[in-house]
Amino acid sequence: MSFTAEVKKELARITGPDRVCDVAELSALTRVCGTFSFHGSGSYSVSISTETNAAASVFIRLAHGIFKLDTTLTVDESVRHRYGNRFRRRFLVEIAEQPGLDRALAAMGIVSFGRGLAHGVPDELVGSRGAKAAYLRGAFVGSGFVADPRGDFSLEFRLEGEPLALGIRDLLAEVGVRSRINRRRQAFVVYSKSFDDIATLLSLMGATRTTMLLESARVMRSVKNDVNRAVNAELANQRRQLASAQDQLALVERVEASELAGDLPPAVAGFCALRKAHPELSLAELGQVADPPLSKSAVYHRYLRLREIAESRSGG
């Protein structure tokens, strides 16, 4: 099961605190997944098609529980997956023309008597924060995607129609979640790639377990990044030390191959011997193996003296 499916499964178990929130959730789910047929004289039928068992179960539960509507469920297991030869189940839930369906659609803000289908998010359904959360939950269960946080932070709603996309974006802003809209083929995608915004939304919708997983993934990623930075810094430092040591060794060999070798002060000659014996050590480490031990500063001054001697003779 994909990470998104696990999140939707968690959200599908949530029941709203009141009828208003339930209607808002059903409205969003019906809007993003539904196909509406008009039979004249205010008569409608509705069907939703989804590959997510969570969406089908929430739709049936709310349609029955709120409006007492009769539904039929068909499961099609012959749908070929678009990315390969695997087959996936598709759930088709149908609400045939029946008494009360027109009133239910009007109560959900989906149809307006005398004007047909309404567009966008119905303001009258999302007045409270709880109703906003329920509407976003229904929209996500029907059309949402969230990336596995072990790989990336990304959440999106894939929607048909710009008014609905704009409405979802504005609704997210009202609950403190920043998002953007991108046109993708025939759909509008409302998305966020911010950890804080995604965590805020998942928590608001009621996905407590997923929010904890997200936080854990961020901590692990932060630790991993800190370790990588420390390792990279250490490797860079080692490379610098090795390059410096090789430069010093080359200077020692050049001086010893010249007439300067017999004229070196004892301290400088001692540095040359140490560097030749330990070509891989840093200056601080050279000081530790000296007898008697020397500070890094003392070793560095011996190296500077060697360089001065080499440069002065070379310049003369």
Foldseek 3Di string as FASTA:
>chain_A
DAPLLVLLVLLLPDDAPDLLLLLLLLLLLCQFFKDWDDDPPLWIKIKGKDLHPSSVVSNVCSCCPRQVFDKDKDKDQADADPVDRHTGIMIMIIGHTDPRPSVSCVSSQQADVPGGGDDARDPVSCPDLSSLLSNVSSQCSRAKDAHQLLVAGKIKGKGADPRHLVRNQVSLVVQPAHWDWDDDVRTIMTMDRDLVRVLSSSVSNPSVVVSVSNVVSVVVVVVVVVVVVVVVVVVVVLVVQLVVLVVLLVLLVVCCVDPNLVVDDPLLNQLSVLSVVPSRDGLQVSQVPDVVRDHSVSSVVSSVVSVVVVVVVVVD
